[in-house]
Amino acid sequence: RLLEDADGETLLVQLDTTAPSAIQ
């Protein structure tokens, strides 16, 4: 239940990977 907002506090990275902690 997120709204796209340039001042938001949540960053979503669209990347299909099995290694999310390196990306985080």
mmCIF file of all heavy atoms, coordinates in Angstrom:
data_MODEL
# 
_entry.id   MODEL 
# 
loop_
_atom_site.group_PDB 
_atom_site.id 
_atom_site.type_symbol 
_atom_site.label_atom_id 
_atom_site.label_alt_id 
_atom_site.label_comp_id 
_atom_site.label_asym_id 
_atom_site.label_entity_id 
_atom_site.label_seq_id 
_atom_site.pdbx_PDB_ins_code 
_atom_site.Cartn_x 
_atom_site.Cartn_y 
_atom_site.Cartn_z 
_atom_site.occupancy 
_atom_site.B_iso_or_equiv 
_atom_site.pdbx_formal_charge 
_atom_site.auth_seq_id 
_atom_site.auth_comp_id 
_atom_site.auth_asym_id 
_atom_site.auth_atom_id 
_atom_site.pdbx_PDB_model_num 
ATOM 1   N N   . ARG A 1 1  ? 0.823  -1.221  0.000   1.00 0.00 ? 1  ARG A N   1 
ATOM 2   C CA  . ARG A 1 1  ? 0.000  0.000   0.000   1.00 0.00 ? 1  ARG A CA  1 
ATOM 3   C C   . ARG A 1 1  ? 0.853  1.266   0.000   1.00 0.00 ? 1  ARG A C   1 
ATOM 4   O O   . ARG A 1 1  ? 0.704  2.140   0.843   1.00 0.00 ? 1  ARG A O   1 
ATOM 5   C CB  . ARG A 1 1  ? -0.957 -0.007  1.183   1.00 0.00 ? 1  ARG A CB  1 
ATOM 6   C CG  . ARG A 1 1  ? -1.935 -1.142  1.099   1.00 0.00 ? 1  ARG A CG  1 
ATOM 7   C CD  . ARG A 1 1  ? -2.888 -1.131  2.230   1.00 0.00 ? 1  ARG A CD  1 
ATOM 8   N NE  . ARG A 1 1  ? -3.783 -2.267  2.084   1.00 0.00 ? 1  ARG A NE  1 
ATOM 9   C CZ  . ARG A 1 1  ? -4.851 -2.439  2.802   1.00 0.00 ? 1  ARG A CZ  1 
ATOM 10  N NH1 . ARG A 1 1  ? -5.178 -1.562  3.722   1.00 0.00 ? 1  ARG A NH1 1 
ATOM 11  N NH2 . ARG A 1 1  ? -5.603 -3.479  2.622   1.00 0.00 ? 1  ARG A NH2 1 
ATOM 12  N N   . LEU A 1 2  ? 1.732  1.342   -0.976  1.00 0.00 ? 2  LEU A N   1 
ATOM 13  C CA  . LEU A 1 2  ? 2.611  2.490   -1.132  1.00 0.00 ? 2  LEU A CA  1 
ATOM 14  C C   . LEU A 1 2  ? 2.104  3.390   -2.247  1.00 0.00 ? 2  LEU A C   1 
ATOM 15  O O   . LEU A 1 2  ? 1.483  2.925   -3.201  1.00 0.00 ? 2  LEU A O   1 
ATOM 16  C CB  . LEU A 1 2  ? 4.028  2.022   -1.482  1.00 0.00 ? 2  LEU A CB  1 
ATOM 17  C CG  . LEU A 1 2  ? 4.709  1.069   -0.503  1.00 0.00 ? 2  LEU A CG  1 
ATOM 18  C CD1 . LEU A 1 2  ? 6.030  0.593   -1.090  1.00 0.00 ? 2  LEU A CD1 1 
ATOM 19  C CD2 . LEU A 1 2  ? 4.917  1.726   0.839   1.00 0.00 ? 2  LEU A CD2 1 
ATOM 20  N N   . LEU A 1 3  ? 2.388  4.677   -2.130  1.00 0.00 ? 3  LEU A N   1 
ATOM 21  C CA  . LEU A 1 3  ? 2.087  5.652   -3.179  1.00 0.00 ? 3  LEU A CA  1 
ATOM 22  C C   . LEU A 1 3  ? 3.405  6.198   -3.705  1.00 0.00 ? 3  LEU A C   1 
ATOM 23  O O   . LEU A 1 3  ? 4.285  6.554   -2.925  1.00 0.00 ? 3  LEU A O   1 
ATOM 24  C CB  . LEU A 1 3  ? 1.258  6.811   -2.625  1.00 0.00 ? 3  LEU A CB  1 
ATOM 25  C CG  . LEU A 1 3  ? -0.149 6.488   -2.142  1.00 0.00 ? 3  LEU A CG  1 
ATOM 26  C CD1 . LEU A 1 3  ? -0.769 7.719   -1.506  1.00 0.00 ? 3  LEU A CD1 1 
ATOM 27  C CD2 . LEU A 1 3  ? -1.009 5.996   -3.295  1.00 0.00 ? 3  LEU A CD2 1 
ATOM 28  N N   . GLU A 1 4  ? 3.534  6.280   -5.034  1.00 0.00 ? 4  GLU A N   1 
ATOM 29  C CA  . GLU A 1 4  ? 4.756  6.835   -5.605  1.00 0.00 ? 4  GLU A CA  1 
ATOM 30  C C   . GLU A 1 4  ? 4.860  8.306   -5.200  1.00 0.00 ? 4  GLU A C   1 
ATOM 31  O O   . GLU A 1 4  ? 3.923  9.076   -5.394  1.00 0.00 ? 4  GLU A O   1 
ATOM 32  C CB  . GLU A 1 4  ? 4.771  6.684   -7.123  1.00 0.00 ? 4  GLU A CB  1 
ATOM 33  C CG  . GLU A 1 4  ? 6.136  6.889   -7.698  1.00 0.00 ? 4  GLU A CG  1 
ATOM 34  C CD  . GLU A 1 4  ? 6.279  6.329   -9.099  1.00 0.00 ? 4  GLU A CD  1 
ATOM 35  O OE1 . GLU A 1 4  ? 5.304  5.804   -9.663  1.00 0.00 ? 4  GLU A OE1 1 
ATOM 36  O OE2 . GLU A 1 4  ? 7.392  6.425   -9.624  1.00 0.00 ? 4  GLU A OE2 1 
ATOM 37  N N   . ASP A 1 5  ? 5.990  8.671   -4.603  1.00 0.00 ? 5  ASP A N   1 
ATOM 38  C CA  . ASP A 1 5  ? 6.159  10.007  -4.044  1.00 0.00 ? 5  ASP A CA  1 
ATOM 39  C C   . ASP A 1 5  ? 7.648  10.316  -3.959  1.00 0.00 ? 5  ASP A C   1 
ATOM 40  O O   . ASP A 1 5  ? 8.396  9.620   -3.267  1.00 0.00 ? 5  ASP A O   1 
ATOM 41  C CB  . ASP A 1 5  ? 5.526  10.060  -2.647  1.00 0.00 ? 5  ASP A CB  1 
ATOM 42  C CG  . ASP A 1 5  ? 5.566  11.433  -2.007  1.00 0.00 ? 5  ASP A CG  1 
ATOM 43  O OD1 . ASP A 1 5  ? 6.250  12.336  -2.535  1.00 0.00 ? 5  ASP A OD1 1 
ATOM 44  O OD2 . ASP A 1 5  ? 4.928  11.603  -0.966  1.00 0.00 ? 5  ASP A OD2 1 
ATOM 45  N N   . ALA A 1 6  ? 8.088  11.363  -4.651  1.00 0.00 ? 6  ALA A N   1 
ATOM 46  C CA  . ALA A 1 6  ? 9.502  11.732  -4.665  1.00 0.00 ? 6  ALA A CA  1 
ATOM 47  C C   . ALA A 1 6  ? 10.028 12.089  -3.280  1.00 0.00 ? 6  ALA A C   1 
ATOM 48  O O   . ALA A 1 6  ? 11.239 12.046  -3.049  1.00 0.00 ? 6  ALA A O   1 
ATOM 49  C CB  . ALA A 1 6  ? 9.730  12.898  -5.621  1.00 0.00 ? 6  ALA A CB  1 
ATOM 50  N N   . ASP A 1 7  ? 9.158  12.435  -2.354  1.00 0.00 ? 7  ASP A N   1 
ATOM 51  C CA  . ASP A 1 7  ? 9.568  12.738  -0.986  1.00 0.00 ? 7  ASP A CA  1 
ATOM 52  C C   . ASP A 1 7  ? 9.344  11.549  -0.057  1.00 0.00 ? 7  ASP A C   1 
ATOM 53  O O   . ASP A 1 7  ? 9.412  11.685  1.157   1.00 0.00 ? 7  ASP A O   1 
ATOM 54  C CB  . ASP A 1 7  ? 8.797  13.952  -0.445  1.00 0.00 ? 7  ASP A CB  1 
ATOM 55  C CG  . ASP A 1 7  ? 9.173  15.222  -1.193  1.00 0.00 ? 7  ASP A CG  1 
ATOM 56  O OD1 . ASP A 1 7  ? 10.347 15.353  -1.581  1.00 0.00 ? 7  ASP A OD1 1 
ATOM 57  O OD2 . ASP A 1 7  ? 8.277  16.063  -1.395  1.00 0.00 ? 7  ASP A OD2 1 
ATOM 58  N N   . GLY A 1 8  ? 9.067  10.384  -0.628  1.00 0.00 ? 8  GLY A N   1 
ATOM 59  C CA  . GLY A 1 8  ? 8.764  9.202   0.171   1.00 0.00 ? 8  GLY A CA  1 
ATOM 60  C C   . GLY A 1 8  ? 9.964  8.658   0.915   1.00 0.00 ? 8  GLY A C   1 
ATOM 61  O O   . GLY A 1 8  ? 11.112 9.025   0.656   1.00 0.00 ? 8  GLY A O   1 
ATOM 62  N N   . GLU A 1 9  ? 9.691  7.750   1.827   1.00 0.00 ? 9  GLU A N   1 
ATOM 63  C CA  . GLU A 1 9  ? 10.717 7.172   2.683   1.00 0.00 ? 9  GLU A CA  1 
ATOM 64  C C   . GLU A 1 9  ? 11.025 5.723   2.326   1.00 0.00 ? 9  GLU A C   1 
ATOM 65  O O   . GLU A 1 9  ? 11.843 5.078   2.952   1.00 0.00 ? 9  GLU A O   1 
ATOM 66  C CB  . GLU A 1 9  ? 10.275 7.263   4.153   1.00 0.00 ? 9  GLU A CB  1 
ATOM 67  C CG  . GLU A 1 9  ? 9.114  6.335   4.506   1.00 0.00 ? 9  GLU A CG  1 
ATOM 68  C CD  . GLU A 1 9  ? 7.750  6.781   3.998   1.00 0.00 ? 9  GLU A CD  1 
ATOM 69  O OE1 . GLU A 1 9  ? 7.561  7.963   3.664   1.00 0.00 ? 9  GLU A OE1 1 
ATOM 70  O OE2 . GLU A 1 9  ? 6.859  5.926   3.926   1.00 0.00 ? 9  GLU A OE2 1 
ATOM 71  N N   . THR A 1 10 ? 10.359 5.208   1.297   1.00 0.00 ? 10 THR A N   1 
ATOM 72  C CA  . THR A 1 10 ? 10.570 3.819   0.885   1.00 0.00 ? 10 THR A CA  1 
ATOM 73  C C   . THR A 1 10 ? 11.145 3.803   -0.523  1.00 0.00 ? 10 THR A C   1 
ATOM 74  O O   . THR A 1 10 ? 10.598 4.417   -1.432  1.00 0.00 ? 10 THR A O   1 
ATOM 75  C CB  . THR A 1 10 ? 9.235  3.038   0.918   1.00 0.00 ? 10 THR A CB  1 
ATOM 76  O OG1 . THR A 1 10 ? 8.716  3.084   2.242   1.00 0.00 ? 10 THR A OG1 1 
ATOM 77  C CG2 . THR A 1 10 ? 9.442  1.602   0.502   1.00 0.00 ? 10 THR A CG2 1 
ATOM 78  N N   . LEU A 1 11 ? 12.256 3.100   -0.682  1.00 0.00 ? 11 LEU A N   1 
ATOM 79  C CA  . LEU A 1 11 ? 12.897 2.959   -1.988  1.00 0.00 ? 11 LEU A CA  1 
ATOM 80  C C   . LEU A 1 11 ? 12.688 1.544   -2.475  1.00 0.00 ? 11 LEU A C   1 
ATOM 81  O O   . LEU A 1 11 ? 13.015 0.588   -1.771  1.00 0.00 ? 11 LEU A O   1 
ATOM 82  C CB  . LEU A 1 11 ? 14.403 3.220   -1.881  1.00 0.00 ? 11 LEU A CB  1 
ATOM 83  C CG  . LEU A 1 11 ? 14.766 4.674   -1.690  1.00 0.00 ? 11 LEU A CG  1 
ATOM 84  C CD1 . LEU A 1 11 ? 15.768 4.826   -0.588  1.00 0.00 ? 11 LEU A CD1 1 
ATOM 85  C CD2 . LEU A 1 11 ? 15.320 5.202   -2.976  1.00 0.00 ? 11 LEU A CD2 1 
ATOM 86  N N   . LEU A 1 12 ? 12.128 1.409   -3.665  1.00 0.00 ? 12 LEU A N   1 
ATOM 87  C CA  . LEU A 1 12 ? 11.991 0.103   -4.289  1.00 0.00 ? 12 LEU A CA  1 
ATOM 88  C C   . LEU A 1 12 ? 12.979 0.028   -5.438  1.00 0.00 ? 12 LEU A C   1 
ATOM 89  O O   . LEU A 1 12 ? 13.056 0.942   -6.259  1.00 0.00 ? 12 LEU A O   1 
ATOM 90  C CB  . LEU A 1 12 ? 10.570 -0.118  -4.811  1.00 0.00 ? 12 LEU A CB  1 
ATOM 91  C CG  . LEU A 1 12 ? 9.444  -0.112  -3.779  1.00 0.00 ? 12 LEU A CG  1 
ATOM 92  C CD1 . LEU A 1 12 ? 8.120  -0.445  -4.445  1.00 0.00 ? 12 LEU A CD1 1 
ATOM 93  C CD2 . LEU A 1 12 ? 9.730  -1.061  -2.633  1.00 0.00 ? 12 LEU A CD2 1 
ATOM 94  N N   . VAL A 1 13 ? 13.738 -1.049  -5.473  1.00 0.00 ? 13 VAL A N   1 
ATOM 95  C CA  . VAL A 1 13 ? 14.698 -1.271  -6.554  1.00 0.00 ? 13 VAL A CA  1 
ATOM 96  C C   . VAL A 1 13 ? 14.178 -2.426  -7.384  1.00 0.00 ? 13 VAL A C   1 
ATOM 97  O O   . VAL A 1 13 ? 14.040 -3.536  -6.876  1.00 0.00 ? 13 VAL A O   1 
ATOM 98  C CB  . VAL A 1 13 ? 16.096 -1.612  -6.001  1.00 0.00 ? 13 VAL A CB  1 
ATOM 99  C CG1 . VAL A 1 13 ? 17.080 -1.818  -7.145  1.00 0.00 ? 13 VAL A CG1 1 
ATOM 100 C CG2 . VAL A 1 13 ? 16.578 -0.549  -5.040  1.00 0.00 ? 13 VAL A CG2 1 
ATOM 101 N N   . GLN A 1 14 ? 13.864 -2.152  -8.629  1.00 0.00 ? 14 GLN A N   1 
ATOM 102 C CA  . GLN A 1 14 ? 13.351 -3.196  -9.509  1.00 0.00 ? 14 GLN A CA  1 
ATOM 103 C C   . GLN A 1 14 ? 14.531 -3.906  -10.152 1.00 0.00 ? 14 GLN A C   1 
ATOM 104 O O   . GLN A 1 14 ? 15.141 -3.404  -11.092 1.00 0.00 ? 14 GLN A O   1 
ATOM 105 C CB  . GLN A 1 14 ? 12.411 -2.633  -10.566 1.00 0.00 ? 14 GLN A CB  1 
ATOM 106 C CG  . GLN A 1 14 ? 11.772 -3.740  -11.374 1.00 0.00 ? 14 GLN A CG  1 
ATOM 107 C CD  . GLN A 1 14 ? 10.489 -3.307  -12.031 1.00 0.00 ? 14 GLN A CD  1 
ATOM 108 O OE1 . GLN A 1 14 ? 9.696  -2.593  -11.437 1.00 0.00 ? 14 GLN A OE1 1 
ATOM 109 N NE2 . GLN A 1 14 ? 10.297 -3.748  -13.254 1.00 0.00 ? 14 GLN A NE2 1 
ATOM 110 N N   . LEU A 1 15 ? 14.829 -5.075  -9.607  1.00 0.00 ? 15 LEU A N   1 
ATOM 111 C CA  . LEU A 1 15 ? 15.958 -5.865  -10.084 1.00 0.00 ? 15 LEU A CA  1 
ATOM 112 C C   . LEU A 1 15 ? 15.707 -7.311  -9.697  1.00 0.00 ? 15 LEU A C   1 
ATOM 113 O O   . LEU A 1 15 ? 15.471 -7.608  -8.528  1.00 0.00 ? 15 LEU A O   1 
ATOM 114 C CB  . LEU A 1 15 ? 17.249 -5.351  -9.448  1.00 0.00 ? 15 LEU A CB  1 
ATOM 115 C CG  . LEU A 1 15 ? 18.559 -5.931  -9.943  1.00 0.00 ? 15 LEU A CG  1 
ATOM 116 C CD1 . LEU A 1 15 ? 18.795 -5.568  -11.406 1.00 0.00 ? 15 LEU A CD1 1 
ATOM 117 C CD2 . LEU A 1 15 ? 19.709 -5.403  -9.096  1.00 0.00 ? 15 LEU A CD2 1 
ATOM 118 N N   . ASP A 1 16 ? 15.729 -8.191  -10.665 1.00 0.00 ? 16 ASP A N   1 
ATOM 119 C CA  . ASP A 1 16 ? 15.505 -9.611  -10.407 1.00 0.00 ? 16 ASP A CA  1 
ATOM 120 C C   . ASP A 1 16 ? 16.847 -10.231 -10.029 1.00 0.00 ? 16 ASP A C   1 
ATOM 121 O O   . ASP A 1 16 ? 17.685 -10.478 -10.890 1.00 0.00 ? 16 ASP A O   1 
ATOM 122 C CB  . ASP A 1 16 ? 14.922 -10.281 -11.649 1.00 0.00 ? 16 ASP A CB  1 
ATOM 123 C CG  . ASP A 1 16 ? 14.410 -11.674 -11.365 1.00 0.00 ? 16 ASP A CG  1 
ATOM 124 O OD1 . ASP A 1 16 ? 14.324 -12.071 -10.190 1.00 0.00 ? 16 ASP A OD1 1 
ATOM 125 O OD2 . ASP A 1 16 ? 14.096 -12.384 -12.333 1.00 0.00 ? 16 ASP A OD2 1 
ATOM 126 N N   . THR A 1 17 ? 17.064 -10.459 -8.735  1.00 0.00 ? 17 THR A N   1 
ATOM 127 C CA  . THR A 1 17 ? 18.327 -10.989 -8.258  1.00 0.00 ? 17 THR A CA  1 
ATOM 128 C C   . THR A 1 17 ? 18.111 -11.914 -7.081  1.00 0.00 ? 17 THR A C   1 
ATOM 129 O O   . THR A 1 17 ? 17.140 -11.773 -6.341  1.00 0.00 ? 17 THR A O   1 
ATOM 130 C CB  . THR A 1 17 ? 19.290 -9.846  -7.859  1.00 0.00 ? 17 THR A CB  1 
ATOM 131 O OG1 . THR A 1 17 ? 20.529 -10.412 -7.416  1.00 0.00 ? 17 THR A OG1 1 
ATOM 132 C CG2 . THR A 1 17 ? 18.719 -8.979  -6.764  1.00 0.00 ? 17 THR A CG2 1 
ATOM 133 N N   . THR A 1 18 ? 19.031 -12.832 -6.915  1.00 0.00 ? 18 THR A N   1 
ATOM 134 C CA  . THR A 1 18 ? 19.006 -13.706 -5.740  1.00 0.00 ? 18 THR A CA  1 
ATOM 135 C C   . THR A 1 18 ? 19.950 -13.178 -4.669  1.00 0.00 ? 18 THR A C   1 
ATOM 136 O O   . THR A 1 18 ? 20.191 -13.854 -3.676  1.00 0.00 ? 18 THR A O   1 
ATOM 137 C CB  . THR A 1 18 ? 19.421 -15.145 -6.123  1.00 0.00 ? 18 THR A CB  1 
ATOM 138 O OG1 . THR A 1 18 ? 20.748 -15.106 -6.661  1.00 0.00 ? 18 THR A OG1 1 
ATOM 139 C CG2 . THR A 1 18 ? 18.458 -15.745 -7.132  1.00 0.00 ? 18 THR A CG2 1 
ATOM 140 N N   . ALA A 1 19 ? 20.473 -11.985 -4.869  1.00 0.00 ? 19 ALA A N   1 
ATOM 141 C CA  . ALA A 1 19 ? 21.437 -11.388 -3.943  1.00 0.00 ? 19 ALA A CA  1 
ATOM 142 C C   . ALA A 1 19 ? 20.999 -9.983  -3.527  1.00 0.00 ? 19 ALA A C   1 
ATOM 143 O O   . ALA A 1 19 ? 21.674 -8.998  -3.817  1.00 0.00 ? 19 ALA A O   1 
ATOM 144 C CB  . ALA A 1 19 ? 22.811 -11.356 -4.601  1.00 0.00 ? 19 ALA A CB  1 
ATOM 145 N N   . PRO A 1 20 ? 19.858 -9.867  -2.838  1.00 0.00 ? 20 PRO A N   1 
ATOM 146 C CA  . PRO A 1 20 ? 19.348 -8.525  -2.523  1.00 0.00 ? 20 PRO A CA  1 
ATOM 147 C C   . PRO A 1 20 ? 20.167 -7.747  -1.500  1.00 0.00 ? 20 PRO A C   1 
ATOM 148 O O   . PRO A 1 20 ? 20.165 -6.525  -1.529  1.00 0.00 ? 20 PRO A O   1 
ATOM 149 C CB  . PRO A 1 20 ? 17.940 -8.805  -1.989  1.00 0.00 ? 20 PRO A CB  1 
ATOM 150 C CG  . PRO A 1 20 ? 18.006 -10.191 -1.459  1.00 0.00 ? 20 PRO A CG  1 
ATOM 151 C CD  . PRO A 1 20 ? 18.967 -10.915 -2.356  1.00 0.00 ? 20 PRO A CD  1 
ATOM 152 N N   . SER A 1 21 ? 20.893 -8.405  -0.606  1.00 0.00 ? 21 SER A N   1 
ATOM 153 C CA  . SER A 1 21 ? 21.592 -7.633  0.430   1.00 0.00 ? 21 SER A CA  1 
ATOM 154 C C   . SER A 1 21 ? 22.717 -6.779  -0.155  1.00 0.00 ? 21 SER A C   1 
ATOM 155 O O   . SER A 1 21 ? 22.973 -5.677  0.330   1.00 0.00 ? 21 SER A O   1 
ATOM 156 C CB  . SER A 1 21 ? 22.098 -8.536  1.559   1.00 0.00 ? 21 SER A CB  1 
ATOM 157 O OG  . SER A 1 21 ? 23.099 -9.396  1.106   1.00 0.00 ? 21 SER A OG  1 
ATOM 158 N N   . ALA A 1 22 ? 23.399 -7.243  -1.197  1.00 0.00 ? 22 ALA A N   1 
ATOM 159 C CA  . ALA A 1 22 ? 24.422 -6.416  -1.847  1.00 0.00 ? 22 ALA A CA  1 
ATOM 160 C C   . ALA A 1 22 ? 23.782 -5.179  -2.466  1.00 0.00 ? 22 ALA A C   1 
ATOM 161 O O   . ALA A 1 22 ? 24.301 -4.067  -2.350  1.00 0.00 ? 22 ALA A O   1 
ATOM 162 C CB  . ALA A 1 22 ? 25.170 -7.216  -2.907  1.00 0.00 ? 22 ALA A CB  1 
ATOM 163 N N   . ILE A 1 23 ? 22.628 -5.353  -3.097  1.00 0.00 ? 23 ILE A N   1 
ATOM 164 C CA  . ILE A 1 23 ? 21.918 -4.236  -3.712  1.00 0.00 ? 23 ILE A CA  1 
ATOM 165 C C   . ILE A 1 23 ? 21.407 -3.280  -2.632  1.00 0.00 ? 23 ILE A C   1 
ATOM 166 O O   . ILE A 1 23 ? 21.501 -2.059  -2.779  1.00 0.00 ? 23 ILE A O   1 
ATOM 167 C CB  . ILE A 1 23 ? 20.761 -4.738  -4.591  1.00 0.00 ? 23 ILE A CB  1 
ATOM 168 C CG1 . ILE A 1 23 ? 21.274 -5.690  -5.683  1.00 0.00 ? 23 ILE A CG1 1 
ATOM 169 C CG2 . ILE A 1 23 ? 19.988 -3.564  -5.188  1.00 0.00 ? 23 ILE A CG2 1 
ATOM 170 C CD1 . ILE A 1 23 ? 22.333 -5.100  -6.583  1.00 0.00 ? 23 ILE A CD1 1 
ATOM 171 N N   . GLN A 1 24 ? 20.889 -3.814  -1.551  1.00 0.00 ? 24 GLN A N   1 
ATOM 172 C CA  . GLN A 1 24 ? 20.412 -2.960  -0.455  1.00 0.00 ? 24 GLN A CA  1 
ATOM 173 C C   . GLN A 1 24 ? 21.544 -2.104  0.095   1.00 0.00 ? 24 GLN A C   1 
ATOM 174 O O   . GLN A 1 24 ? 21.353 -0.914  0.366   1.00 0.00 ? 24 GLN A O   1 
ATOM 175 C CB  . GLN A 1 24 ? 19.779 -3.816  0.645   1.00 0.00 ? 24 GLN A CB  1 
ATOM 176 C CG  . GLN A 1 24 ? 18.455 -4.407  0.226   1.00 0.00 ? 24 GLN A CG  1 
ATOM 177 C CD  . GLN A 1 24 ? 17.943 -5.475  1.168   1.00 0.00 ? 24 GLN A CD  1 
ATOM 178 O OE1 . GLN A 1 24 ? 18.689 -6.070  1.939   1.00 0.00 ? 24 GLN A OE1 1 
ATOM 179 N NE2 . GLN A 1 24 ? 16.649 -5.733  1.093   1.00 0.00 ? 24 GLN A NE2 1 
# 
